[in-house]
Amino acid sequence: MTMSEVDKVRLSAASAIERSRERRRPIGTKSVALRRQHLYQKLARVLIAGGIVLIGAALFGALIKPLGFTGLLALFVLLIGVALLFGKWPPFPEPRQADLPKADLKQLAGRTEIWLEAQRPALPAPARQLVDGIGVQLDLLAPQLQTLDAASPAAANIRKLVGEDLPELVAGYQRIPAGLRKEAYAGRTPDDTLVGGLTMLEREIGDAARSLAAGDLDKLATRERYLQLKYQGLEGEDAPSA
């Protein structure tokens, strides 16, 4: 193998490692909290199921027949099986784009972070940095959502901004073939449009968090037309790929 081939292999390996790290790296604390909560629930199920098995074995040994060596071995195998079963089931419910507008308001920030974490590796570097910033803003917003009335206009505006506008911007970009993302249409490339839209949404989410924290619900009327004018065009830019 020549030096150039070695370099190519090394670069390819480094790129694969970097992509793997990108997939695992959280963008906010709320996504980590949701995953940790799911893990604790699985551990609780393992302990409960294991306790039931042990109680059943103890009753069997006391009332019917001592377990003996074979029975103890079978009990050990059964406990391992229970741990493996409940340790893997149920899997973490990865959110889909369609799920986000209907998510529990208290979990909206965390579930949006999880969805963005899955999309992040496919985005250009400037957009990935903005996604990290949006994760910070979602962390700031999350505490306010714990007490916000889910039926209020403010909650509807937050759902529209976080659960619809943000995911649709990212999904719209990903629908564009990779080879067309750096080609300009109407003076802007899809990459430029994505970065501009994410910049706007990062600011809007931060403003929403601060408005909620200050109790100023009137400021939460989402400037929908303004946002559309800022990042519209991703669907149109997809047209040349047909």
Protein backbone atom coordinates (compact mmCIF):
# COMPACT_ATOMS: atom_id res chain seq x y z
CA MET A 1 0.00 0.00 0.00
CA THR A 2 1.45 3.37 -1.03
CA MET A 3 1.63 6.39 1.23
CA SER A 4 -1.20 8.07 -0.67
CA GLU A 5 -3.41 5.05 -0.16
CA VAL A 6 -2.50 4.99 3.53
CA ASP A 7 -3.43 8.66 3.78
CA LYS A 8 -6.77 8.00 2.07
CA VAL A 9 -7.53 5.16 4.46
CA ARG A 10 -6.55 7.32 7.43
CA LEU A 11 -8.71 10.22 6.24
CA SER A 12 -11.62 7.89 5.59
CA ALA A 13 -11.33 6.39 9.07
CA ALA A 14 -11.05 9.83 10.67
CA SER A 15 -14.12 10.98 8.74
CA ALA A 16 -16.09 7.92 9.86
CA ILE A 17 -15.09 8.53 13.49
CA GLU A 18 -16.08 12.17 13.23
CA ARG A 19 -19.50 11.26 11.74
CA SER A 20 -20.03 8.77 14.55
CA ARG A 21 -19.23 11.44 17.13
CA GLU A 22 -21.60 13.87 15.42
CA ARG A 23 -24.41 11.33 15.64
CA ARG A 24 -23.89 10.77 19.35
CA ARG A 25 -23.29 14.34 20.46
CA PRO A 26 -26.33 15.99 22.08
CA ILE A 27 -27.13 19.60 21.28
CA GLY A 28 -28.91 20.31 24.56
CA THR A 29 -29.54 19.05 28.06
CA LYS A 30 -33.23 18.30 27.56
CA SER A 31 -32.61 15.56 25.01
CA VAL A 32 -30.14 13.99 27.44
CA ALA A 33 -32.74 14.21 30.23
CA LEU A 34 -35.37 12.43 28.11
CA ARG A 35 -32.97 9.63 27.21
CA ARG A 36 -31.90 9.30 30.85
CA GLN A 37 -35.53 9.18 31.96
CA HIS A 38 -36.19 6.37 29.48
CA LEU A 39 -33.14 4.49 30.78
CA TYR A 40 -34.30 4.81 34.39
CA GLN A 41 -37.73 3.51 33.41
CA LYS A 42 -36.15 0.46 31.81
CA LEU A 43 -33.99 -0.15 34.88
CA ALA A 44 -37.08 0.07 37.05
CA ARG A 45 -38.81 -2.54 34.89
CA VAL A 46 -35.77 -4.82 35.16
CA LEU A 47 -35.79 -4.53 38.97
CA ILE A 48 -39.54 -5.09 39.24
CA ALA A 49 -39.50 -8.11 36.91
CA GLY A 50 -36.45 -9.54 38.67
CA GLY A 51 -38.13 -9.07 42.03
CA ILE A 52 -41.24 -10.89 40.83
CA VAL A 53 -39.14 -13.79 39.58
CA LEU A 54 -37.26 -14.02 42.90
CA ILE A 55 -40.46 -13.89 44.96
CA GLY A 56 -42.00 -16.57 42.76
CA ALA A 57 -38.93 -18.77 43.12
CA ALA A 58 -38.91 -18.29 46.89
CA LEU A 59 -42.59 -19.23 47.19
CA PHE A 60 -42.07 -22.26 44.96
CA GLY A 61 -39.11 -23.41 47.06
CA ALA A 62 -40.94 -22.87 50.35
CA LEU A 63 -44.36 -24.28 49.47
CA ILE A 64 -43.81 -26.86 46.75
CA LYS A 65 -40.27 -28.12 46.37
CA PRO A 66 -36.76 -26.84 47.16
CA LEU A 67 -35.07 -25.49 44.08
CA GLY A 68 -31.82 -27.40 44.38
CA PHE A 69 -28.84 -26.82 42.15
CA THR A 70 -30.78 -27.23 38.90
CA GLY A 71 -33.51 -24.90 40.08
CA LEU A 72 -31.00 -22.26 41.14
CA LEU A 73 -29.27 -22.52 37.77
CA ALA A 74 -32.61 -22.13 35.99
CA LEU A 75 -33.41 -19.13 38.20
CA PHE A 76 -30.07 -17.53 37.33
CA VAL A 77 -30.70 -18.04 33.60
CA LEU A 78 -34.22 -16.65 33.94
CA LEU A 79 -32.96 -13.52 35.71
CA ILE A 80 -30.43 -12.93 32.93
CA GLY A 81 -33.18 -13.34 30.35
CA VAL A 82 -35.41 -10.86 32.19
CA ALA A 83 -32.55 -8.33 32.38
CA LEU A 84 -31.80 -8.68 28.67
CA LEU A 85 -35.46 -8.45 27.67
CA PHE A 86 -36.37 -5.39 29.70
CA GLY A 87 -32.94 -3.84 29.14
CA LYS A 88 -33.62 -3.64 25.40
CA TRP A 89 -37.41 -3.23 25.39
CA PRO A 90 -39.02 -0.91 24.79
CA PRO A 91 -36.52 0.97 22.61
CA PHE A 92 -36.27 4.73 22.94
CA PRO A 93 -39.07 6.31 20.86
CA GLU A 94 -37.08 8.39 18.37
CA PRO A 95 -39.34 11.29 17.31
CA ARG A 96 -40.36 11.71 13.69
CA GLN A 97 -40.96 15.09 12.11
CA ALA A 98 -44.70 14.44 12.01
CA ASP A 99 -44.69 13.72 15.77
CA LEU A 100 -43.21 17.05 16.86
CA PRO A 101 -46.27 19.32 16.41
CA LYS A 102 -48.29 16.87 18.54
CA ALA A 103 -45.66 16.30 21.24
CA ASP A 104 -46.45 16.96 24.89
CA LEU A 105 -45.67 20.65 25.39
CA LYS A 106 -43.48 19.83 28.41
CA GLN A 107 -41.33 17.53 26.25
CA LEU A 108 -41.41 19.58 23.04
CA ALA A 109 -37.97 21.16 23.52
CA GLY A 110 -36.28 17.86 24.37
CA ARG A 111 -37.91 15.88 21.58
CA THR A 112 -37.08 18.59 19.05
CA GLU A 113 -33.45 18.46 20.23
CA ILE A 114 -33.40 14.69 19.71
CA TRP A 115 -34.81 15.07 16.19
CA LEU A 116 -32.28 17.78 15.34
CA GLU A 117 -29.42 15.64 16.68
CA ALA A 118 -30.35 12.95 14.16
CA GLN A 119 -30.41 15.45 11.27
CA ARG A 120 -27.31 17.40 12.29
CA PRO A 121 -24.63 15.18 10.60
CA ALA A 122 -26.26 15.72 7.19
CA LEU A 123 -26.11 19.52 7.42
CA PRO A 124 -23.27 21.81 6.29
CA ALA A 125 -20.82 22.98 8.96
CA PRO A 126 -22.31 26.50 9.44
CA ALA A 127 -25.77 24.99 9.87
CA ARG A 128 -24.47 22.46 12.42
CA GLN A 129 -23.10 25.32 14.52
CA LEU A 130 -26.49 27.04 14.36
CA VAL A 131 -28.24 23.82 15.37
CA ASP A 132 -25.99 23.74 18.44
CA GLY A 133 -27.08 27.29 19.23
CA ILE A 134 -30.73 26.34 18.77
CA GLY A 135 -30.18 23.54 21.29
CA VAL A 136 -29.06 26.18 23.81
CA GLN A 137 -32.17 28.27 23.12
CA LEU A 138 -34.43 25.22 23.46
CA ASP A 139 -32.85 24.52 26.84
CA LEU A 140 -33.74 28.10 27.87
CA LEU A 141 -37.29 27.66 26.56
CA ALA A 142 -37.98 24.26 28.17
CA PRO A 143 -38.51 25.47 31.79
CA GLN A 144 -41.12 27.97 30.61
CA LEU A 145 -43.06 25.23 28.82
CA GLN A 146 -43.51 23.27 32.06
CA THR A 147 -46.10 25.76 33.33
CA LEU A 148 -47.48 27.15 30.06
CA ASP A 149 -51.16 26.37 29.40
CA ALA A 150 -51.16 23.94 26.46
CA ALA A 151 -54.44 25.43 25.18
CA SER A 152 -53.18 29.03 25.18
CA PRO A 153 -52.37 31.03 22.02
CA ALA A 154 -48.79 31.33 23.27
CA ALA A 155 -48.48 27.53 23.34
CA ALA A 156 -49.86 27.33 19.80
CA ASN A 157 -47.27 29.85 18.64
CA ILE A 158 -44.46 27.91 20.32
CA ARG A 159 -45.66 24.66 18.72
CA LYS A 160 -45.72 26.35 15.32
CA LEU A 161 -42.25 27.80 15.73
CA VAL A 162 -40.48 24.82 17.32
CA GLY A 163 -42.56 21.85 16.17
CA GLU A 164 -43.33 22.92 12.60
CA ASP A 165 -41.27 25.81 11.21
CA LEU A 166 -37.90 24.57 12.47
CA PRO A 167 -38.26 20.89 11.41
CA GLU A 168 -39.75 21.84 8.03
CA LEU A 169 -36.82 24.14 7.26
CA VAL A 170 -34.32 21.34 7.95
CA ALA A 171 -36.39 18.66 6.21
CA GLY A 172 -36.94 20.92 3.19
CA TYR A 173 -33.18 21.34 2.83
CA GLN A 174 -32.59 17.59 3.06
CA ARG A 175 -35.11 16.92 0.29
CA ILE A 176 -32.86 18.81 -2.11
CA PRO A 177 -30.34 16.51 -3.87
CA ALA A 178 -26.85 16.98 -2.42
CA GLY A 179 -25.43 17.99 -5.80
CA LEU A 180 -27.81 20.94 -6.07
CA ARG A 181 -27.39 22.40 -2.58
CA LYS A 182 -24.57 24.74 -3.56
CA GLU A 183 -26.16 25.92 -6.82
CA ALA A 184 -27.70 29.37 -6.66
CA TYR A 185 -31.35 30.00 -7.45
CA ALA A 186 -32.65 33.57 -7.37
CA GLY A 187 -29.27 34.66 -6.01
CA ARG A 188 -29.15 32.22 -3.06
CA THR A 189 -28.01 28.64 -2.66
CA PRO A 190 -30.01 26.17 -0.55
CA ASP A 191 -27.08 26.21 1.89
CA ASP A 192 -27.44 29.99 2.24
CA THR A 193 -31.20 29.71 2.67
CA LEU A 194 -30.81 27.05 5.36
CA VAL A 195 -28.24 29.08 7.31
CA GLY A 196 -30.34 32.23 7.04
CA GLY A 197 -33.46 30.40 8.22
CA LEU A 198 -31.71 28.73 11.14
CA THR A 199 -30.22 32.06 12.19
CA MET A 200 -33.68 33.60 12.22
CA LEU A 201 -35.24 30.68 14.09
CA GLU A 202 -32.48 30.62 16.70
CA ARG A 203 -33.21 34.27 17.46
CA GLU A 204 -36.99 33.73 17.46
CA ILE A 205 -36.79 30.79 19.88
CA GLY A 206 -34.53 32.80 22.19
CA ASP A 207 -36.95 35.75 22.05
CA ALA A 208 -39.85 33.42 22.83
CA ALA A 209 -38.01 32.01 25.86
CA ARG A 210 -37.27 35.48 27.19
CA SER A 211 -40.84 36.66 26.58
CA LEU A 212 -42.25 33.68 28.46
CA ALA A 213 -39.80 34.17 31.31
CA ALA A 214 -40.87 37.82 31.57
CA GLY A 215 -44.55 36.89 31.39
CA ASP A 216 -44.99 39.01 28.26
CA LEU A 217 -47.23 36.70 26.27
CA ASP A 218 -48.25 39.40 23.81
CA LYS A 219 -44.79 39.29 22.24
CA LEU A 220 -45.22 35.61 21.41
CA ALA A 221 -47.35 36.26 18.33
CA THR A 222 -45.06 34.47 15.88
CA ARG A 223 -44.12 36.60 12.91
CA GLU A 224 -45.08 33.84 10.52
CA ARG A 225 -45.01 35.88 7.32
CA TYR A 226 -41.71 37.47 8.33
CA LEU A 227 -40.15 34.06 8.94
CA GLN A 228 -41.50 32.74 5.64
CA LEU A 229 -40.00 35.64 3.74
CA LYS A 230 -36.66 35.02 5.42
CA TYR A 231 -36.29 31.34 4.68
CA GLN A 232 -38.86 30.52 2.00
CA GLY A 233 -37.61 29.01 -1.24
CA LEU A 234 -36.37 25.59 -0.19
CA GLU A 235 -39.36 23.94 -1.83
CA GLY A 236 -38.83 26.04 -4.93
CA GLU A 237 -35.15 25.20 -5.01
CA ASP A 238 -36.08 21.54 -5.02
CA ALA A 239 -37.90 21.98 -8.33
CA PRO A 240 -34.86 21.76 -10.64
CA SER A 241 -34.14 18.27 -9.33
CA ALA A 242 -37.31 16.91 -10.95
